[in-house]
Amino acid sequence: MFQQDNASSHTARAVQAFLNQEHIQTLPWQAFSPSMSLTEHLMNALSRHI
């Protein structure tokens, strides 16, 4: 199972063809979903408290 963030380099036809050829499943992901980076959220919280 593979998760990607729908960046244009990840959704290119060549990449999708490779994933299909190798039978690699991908998790569904919305194109404009919020960031899942824990570091980014932590830094935002810290900057609000400083």
PDB file of N, CA and C in Angstrom:
ATOM      1  N   MET A   1       0.851  -1.169   0.000  1.00  0.00           N
ATOM      2  CA  MET A   1       0.000   0.000   0.000  1.00  0.00           C
ATOM      3  C   MET A   1       0.895   1.231   0.000  1.00  0.00           C
ATOM      4  N   PHE A   2       0.598   2.194  -0.826  1.00  0.00           N
ATOM      5  CA  PHE A   2       1.411   3.386  -0.993  1.00  0.00           C
ATOM      6  C   PHE A   2       0.520   4.613  -0.834  1.00  0.00           C
ATOM      7  N   GLN A   3       1.030   5.630  -0.184  1.00  0.00           N
ATOM      8  CA  GLN A   3       0.288   6.883  -0.043  1.00  0.00           C
ATOM      9  C   GLN A   3       1.092   7.993  -0.678  1.00  0.00           C
ATOM     10  N   GLN A   4       0.457   8.758  -1.522  1.00  0.00           N
ATOM     11  CA  GLN A   4       1.090   9.913  -2.137  1.00  0.00           C
ATOM     12  C   GLN A   4       0.147  11.103  -2.008  1.00  0.00           C
ATOM     13  N   ASP A   5       0.675  12.301  -2.194  1.00  0.00           N
ATOM     14  CA  ASP A   5      -0.103  13.512  -1.900  1.00  0.00           C
ATOM     15  C   ASP A   5      -0.702  14.195  -3.126  1.00  0.00           C
ATOM     16  N   ASN A   6      -0.804  13.481  -4.233  1.00  0.00           N
ATOM     17  CA  ASN A   6      -1.383  14.020  -5.467  1.00  0.00           C
ATOM     18  C   ASN A   6      -0.581  15.169  -6.057  1.00  0.00           C
ATOM     19  N   ALA A   7       0.693  15.263  -5.727  1.00  0.00           N
ATOM     20  CA  ALA A   7       1.557  16.235  -6.390  1.00  0.00           C
ATOM     21  C   ALA A   7       1.627  15.853  -7.868  1.00  0.00           C
ATOM     22  N   SER A   8       1.831  16.826  -8.733  1.00  0.00           N
ATOM     23  CA  SER A   8       1.810  16.542 -10.171  1.00  0.00           C
ATOM     24  C   SER A   8       2.849  15.490 -10.560  1.00  0.00           C
ATOM     25  N   SER A   9       3.978  15.454  -9.870  1.00  0.00           N
ATOM     26  CA  SER A   9       4.986  14.436 -10.188  1.00  0.00           C
ATOM     27  C   SER A   9       4.519  13.044  -9.787  1.00  0.00           C
ATOM     28  N   HIS A  10       3.597  12.950  -8.836  1.00  0.00           N
ATOM     29  CA  HIS A  10       3.085  11.649  -8.393  1.00  0.00           C
ATOM     30  C   HIS A  10       1.900  11.187  -9.232  1.00  0.00           C
ATOM     31  N   THR A  11       1.213  12.118  -9.862  1.00  0.00           N
ATOM     32  CA  THR A  11       0.029  11.758 -10.642  1.00  0.00           C
ATOM     33  C   THR A  11       0.315  11.691 -12.139  1.00  0.00           C
ATOM     34  N   ALA A  12       1.574  11.845 -12.510  1.00  0.00           N
ATOM     35  CA  ALA A  12       1.937  11.764 -13.928  1.00  0.00           C
ATOM     36  C   ALA A  12       1.558  10.397 -14.488  1.00  0.00           C
ATOM     37  N   ARG A  13       1.222  10.363 -15.778  1.00  0.00           N
ATOM     38  CA  ARG A  13       0.814   9.097 -16.397  1.00  0.00           C
ATOM     39  C   ARG A  13       1.886   8.018 -16.276  1.00  0.00           C
ATOM     40  N   ALA A  14       3.151   8.401 -16.401  1.00  0.00           N
ATOM     41  CA  ALA A  14       4.234   7.414 -16.305  1.00  0.00           C
ATOM     42  C   ALA A  14       4.278   6.793 -14.912  1.00  0.00           C
ATOM     43  N   VAL A  15       4.089   7.603 -13.887  1.00  0.00           N
ATOM     44  CA  VAL A  15       4.103   7.101 -12.510  1.00  0.00           C
ATOM     45  C   VAL A  15       2.899   6.200 -12.278  1.00  0.00           C
ATOM     46  N   GLN A  16       1.731   6.647 -12.714  1.00  0.00           N
ATOM     47  CA  GLN A  16       0.521   5.843 -12.547  1.00  0.00           C
ATOM     48  C   GLN A  16       0.638   4.516 -13.295  1.00  0.00           C
ATOM     49  N   ALA A  17       1.219   4.542 -14.496  1.00  0.00           N
ATOM     50  CA  ALA A  17       1.407   3.311 -15.267  1.00  0.00           C
ATOM     51  C   ALA A  17       2.336   2.353 -14.526  1.00  0.00           C
ATOM     52  N   PHE A  18       3.418   2.886 -13.951  1.00  0.00           N
ATOM     53  CA  PHE A  18       4.345   2.049 -13.191  1.00  0.00           C
ATOM     54  C   PHE A  18       3.657   1.416 -11.990  1.00  0.00           C
ATOM     55  N   LEU A  19       2.909   2.212 -11.243  1.00  0.00           N
ATOM     56  CA  LEU A  19       2.201   1.689 -10.073  1.00  0.00           C
ATOM     57  C   LEU A  19       1.221   0.589 -10.474  1.00  0.00           C
ATOM     58  N   ASN A  20       0.509   0.803 -11.564  1.00  0.00           N
ATOM     59  CA  ASN A  20      -0.433  -0.211 -12.045  1.00  0.00           C
ATOM     60  C   ASN A  20       0.303  -1.468 -12.505  1.00  0.00           C
ATOM     61  N   GLN A  21       1.399  -1.282 -13.222  1.00  0.00           N
ATOM     62  CA  GLN A  21       2.178  -2.413 -13.738  1.00  0.00           C
ATOM     63  C   GLN A  21       2.724  -3.273 -12.603  1.00  0.00           C
ATOM     64  N   GLU A  22       3.131  -2.636 -11.525  1.00  0.00           N
ATOM     65  CA  GLU A  22       3.698  -3.350 -10.382  1.00  0.00           C
ATOM     66  C   GLU A  22       2.639  -3.768  -9.361  1.00  0.00           C
ATOM     67  N   HIS A  23       1.366  -3.502  -9.676  1.00  0.00           N
ATOM     68  CA  HIS A  23       0.238  -3.852  -8.805  1.00  0.00           C
ATOM     69  C   HIS A  23       0.383  -3.220  -7.419  1.00  0.00           C
ATOM     70  N   ILE A  24       0.795  -1.961  -7.408  1.00  0.00           N
ATOM     71  CA  ILE A  24       0.945  -1.215  -6.159  1.00  0.00           C
ATOM     72  C   ILE A  24      -0.333  -0.427  -5.924  1.00  0.00           C
ATOM     73  N   GLN A  25      -1.001  -0.694  -4.815  1.00  0.00           N
ATOM     74  CA  GLN A  25      -2.232   0.021  -4.473  1.00  0.00           C
ATOM     75  C   GLN A  25      -1.884   1.348  -3.821  1.00  0.00           C
ATOM     76  N   THR A  26      -2.682   2.357  -4.097  1.00  0.00           N
ATOM     77  CA  THR A  26      -2.494   3.657  -3.458  1.00  0.00           C
ATOM     78  C   THR A  26      -3.727   3.992  -2.636  1.00  0.00           C
ATOM     79  N   LEU A  27      -3.492   4.677  -1.538  1.00  0.00           N
ATOM     80  CA  LEU A  27      -4.592   5.147  -0.709  1.00  0.00           C
ATOM     81  C   LEU A  27      -5.230   6.352  -1.377  1.00  0.00           C
ATOM     82  N   PRO A  28      -6.547   6.469  -1.329  1.00  0.00           N
ATOM     83  CA  PRO A  28      -7.190   7.655  -1.901  1.00  0.00           C
ATOM     84  C   PRO A  28      -6.783   8.904  -1.122  1.00  0.00           C
ATOM     85  N   TRP A  29      -6.597   9.986  -1.815  1.00  0.00           N
ATOM     86  CA  TRP A  29      -6.157  11.224  -1.201  1.00  0.00           C
ATOM     87  C   TRP A  29      -6.752  12.382  -1.977  1.00  0.00           C
ATOM     88  N   GLN A  30      -7.385  13.304  -1.315  1.00  0.00           N
ATOM     89  CA  GLN A  30      -7.980  14.459  -1.987  1.00  0.00           C
ATOM     90  C   GLN A  30      -6.891  15.370  -2.527  1.00  0.00           C
ATOM     91  N   ALA A  31      -7.166  16.003  -3.646  1.00  0.00           N
ATOM     92  CA  ALA A  31      -6.165  16.839  -4.304  1.00  0.00           C
ATOM     93  C   ALA A  31      -5.741  18.023  -3.444  1.00  0.00           C
ATOM     94  N   PHE A  32      -6.642  18.618  -2.718  1.00  0.00           N
ATOM     95  CA  PHE A  32      -6.304  19.799  -1.928  1.00  0.00           C
ATOM     96  C   PHE A  32      -6.575  19.553  -0.447  1.00  0.00           C
ATOM     97  N   SER A  33      -6.135  18.407   0.036  1.00  0.00           N
ATOM     98  CA  SER A  33      -6.354  18.068   1.433  1.00  0.00           C
ATOM     99  C   SER A  33      -5.383  18.833   2.324  1.00  0.00           C
ATOM    100  N   PRO A  34      -5.718  19.037   3.578  1.00  0.00           N
ATOM    101  CA  PRO A  34      -4.820  19.754   4.479  1.00  0.00           C
ATOM    102  C   PRO A  34      -3.526  18.975   4.712  1.00  0.00           C
ATOM    103  N   SER A  35      -2.506  19.689   5.074  1.00  0.00           N
ATOM    104  CA  SER A  35      -1.214  19.070   5.319  1.00  0.00           C
ATOM    105  C   SER A  35      -1.296  18.094   6.482  1.00  0.00           C
ATOM    106  N   MET A  36      -0.630  16.967   6.351  1.00  0.00           N
ATOM    107  CA  MET A  36      -0.600  15.977   7.404  1.00  0.00           C
ATOM    108  C   MET A  36       0.757  15.977   8.106  1.00  0.00           C
ATOM    109  N   SER A  37       1.584  16.977   7.817  1.00  0.00           N
ATOM    110  CA  SER A  37       2.913  17.048   8.404  1.00  0.00           C
ATOM    111  C   SER A  37       2.808  17.447   9.871  1.00  0.00           C
ATOM    112  N   LEU A  38       3.252  16.576  10.762  1.00  0.00           N
ATOM    113  CA  LEU A  38       3.203  16.884  12.190  1.00  0.00           C
ATOM    114  C   LEU A  38       4.131  18.036  12.538  1.00  0.00           C
ATOM    115  N   THR A  39       5.273  18.114  11.883  1.00  0.00           N
ATOM    116  CA  THR A  39       6.235  19.177  12.149  1.00  0.00           C
ATOM    117  C   THR A  39       5.632  20.536  11.829  1.00  0.00           C
ATOM    118  N   GLU A  40       4.935  20.623  10.706  1.00  0.00           N
ATOM    119  CA  GLU A  40       4.325  21.896  10.302  1.00  0.00           C
ATOM    120  C   GLU A  40       3.305  22.354  11.340  1.00  0.00           C
ATOM    121  N   HIS A  41       2.467  21.440  11.812  1.00  0.00           N
ATOM    122  CA  HIS A  41       1.461  21.794  12.811  1.00  0.00           C
ATOM    123  C   HIS A  41       2.120  22.179  14.143  1.00  0.00           C
ATOM    124  N   LEU A  42       3.171  21.478  14.515  1.00  0.00           N
ATOM    125  CA  LEU A  42       3.884  21.785  15.746  1.00  0.00           C
ATOM    126  C   LEU A  42       4.521  23.172  15.673  1.00  0.00           C
ATOM    127  N   MET A  43       5.163  23.482  14.563  1.00  0.00           N
ATOM    128  CA  MET A  43       5.807  24.792  14.416  1.00  0.00           C
ATOM    129  C   MET A  43       4.770  25.913  14.432  1.00  0.00           C
ATOM    130  N   ASN A  44       3.602  25.696  13.837  1.00  0.00           N
ATOM    131  CA  ASN A  44       2.540  26.702  13.873  1.00  0.00           C
ATOM    132  C   ASN A  44       2.073  26.937  15.305  1.00  0.00           C
ATOM    133  N   ALA A  45       1.898  25.862  16.059  1.00  0.00           N
ATOM    134  CA  ALA A  45       1.470  25.988  17.452  1.00  0.00           C
ATOM    135  C   ALA A  45       2.520  26.706  18.276  1.00  0.00           C
ATOM    136  N   LEU A  46       3.791  26.383  18.091  1.00  0.00           N
ATOM    137  CA  LEU A  46       4.868  27.037  18.833  1.00  0.00           C
ATOM    138  C   LEU A  46       4.952  28.526  18.491  1.00  0.00           C
ATOM    139  N   SER A  47       4.808  28.864  17.238  1.00  0.00           N
ATOM    140  CA  SER A  47       4.905  30.274  16.836  1.00  0.00           C
ATOM    141  C   SER A  47       3.762  31.101  17.420  1.00  0.00           C
ATOM    142  N   ARG A  48       2.600  30.501  17.644  1.00  0.00           N
ATOM    143  CA  ARG A  48       1.480  31.241  18.256  1.00  0.00           C
ATOM    144  C   ARG A  48       1.733  31.523  19.722  1.00  0.00           C
ATOM    145  N   HIS A  49       2.529  30.672  20.397  1.00  0.00           N
ATOM    146  CA  HIS A  49       2.786  30.837  21.816  1.00  0.00           C
ATOM    147  C   HIS A  49       4.002  31.724  22.114  1.00  0.00           C
ATOM    148  N   ILE A  50       4.773  32.020  21.090  1.00  0.00           N
ATOM    149  CA  ILE A  50       5.984  32.838  21.311  1.00  0.00           C
ATOM    150  C   ILE A  50       5.652  34.303  21.131  1.00  0.00           C
TER     151      ILE A  50
END
